[in-house]
Amino acid sequence: MTLSVLVLAAAAIAAQPAPVPAHAPKMNDIQAVGTHNSYKQAMSDAVRARIAAQSEKLEMALDYSHRPLSEQLDHGARQLEIDVNYDPAGGYYAKGAADAELLKPGFKVLHMAFSDAASSCERLVTCLAEIRDWSDAHPDHAPIMLMFNAKEDADPEHGKAALRFDEKAFDALDREILSVIPRGKLILPDDVQGRYPTLREGVLAGNWPSLAAARGKIFFALDEHEAKVAIYRGKRKSLEGRVFFVNTDENSPAAAYLTLNDPIAEADRIARDVKAGFMVRTRADADTWEARAGTLARLRAALASGAQYISTDYLWEDPRLPGYRVSLPGGVPVRCNAVRLAGQDLADCTADLASVR
């Protein structure tokens, strides 16, 4: 063998990524906090009054808001929630020429499209670009989960029917995401399924990427009911070629992610699913109730459950409701998941987290 061949061979070996130790923590071996309806801005007085006239309980439930997405990420949020509304031609949710962003074609990010619609980023591409840019500037961040609801709001008062999420709409949603966030920044269902016959089998075999490999990356979860999930999956055995993981039951071939919002009533199920390898999102609070009552019982249950992502409306304290805010102990953005790693030495996980924010 010539010297030049030896040099090339040595260079090729050196270029190979270092093998991941068998004991290295996986991306589902962590726990982090995120936000619910992360784009939502405060209601105007007029909108508040109109909703209160219909239901004071609903008005109270909607009385929260969030800072811009990048500020939430700076503050430690590693899960964000986005509600998307289909609008292929543009302008469906606009009230007039002043709504410049809403007039443009593409998915819109609105909570209740014809009432509680104030948003920090009205177009999905704008939201995604903000998240992508933050991620690029912080390449060592823990994997960020972007959870989506596919909204279908109607406005019968003005003769506007709901724009439904059919297969064409979901295909467009995948394309719009990929137009903003490059494939190399994404963790997709195909990555977890790997060589296994189904996504579920890949999950149960522990085929989530390592935490080290997942640093600086983003993954998407579709939090929807069975009918919409079926439309998104189509005739696929699992989620082959799709962007989103989907909320489904533990026995589905597409099982990888579950939305289990009540960490008190569903504590046993959450812990069981987390131990099995599934990714779970739960909630520390809902409808402003915990903040108004000043109770941390649900947060404590969420932390103890082992759910990887815990969502809140109070990443910061609301000055009107002093004393309530949600964070991991010590204010860190991510910690080792004691339920997922029960009975194991946490040293490897702790060491890996030293370089993850």
Foldseek 3Di string as FASTA:
>chain_A
DDPVVVVVVVVVVVPDDDDDDPPFAFLLQKAFEAADLAFFDAFDPVLLVVVVVVPVLLSLLRGFYHDQPLVRVVLQHQEYEFEKAAFQQFDLLDPDPVPPVRRHGAIFTADQSNGRGRGNGGHPLRSLLSVLVSLVVFQQAFEHEYEYEYDFHADVVVPGGTDDDALVRQVRVQVSNCVRHPPQQEDALCQQCPPPPFSLVSQLVVSHHGRRSNGSHYAYEYEDDDVNVCRCCPPPQENPPGRYQYADDSPRSNFAEHEDAFLVVCLVVLLVCSQSRHAYEYEQDGSCVCLQVVDRVRVVSVLLSQHRYYYYSACDRDVVRPNDHDGPVVSHSMDGRCSNQPPHDCVSVVVSCVSYD
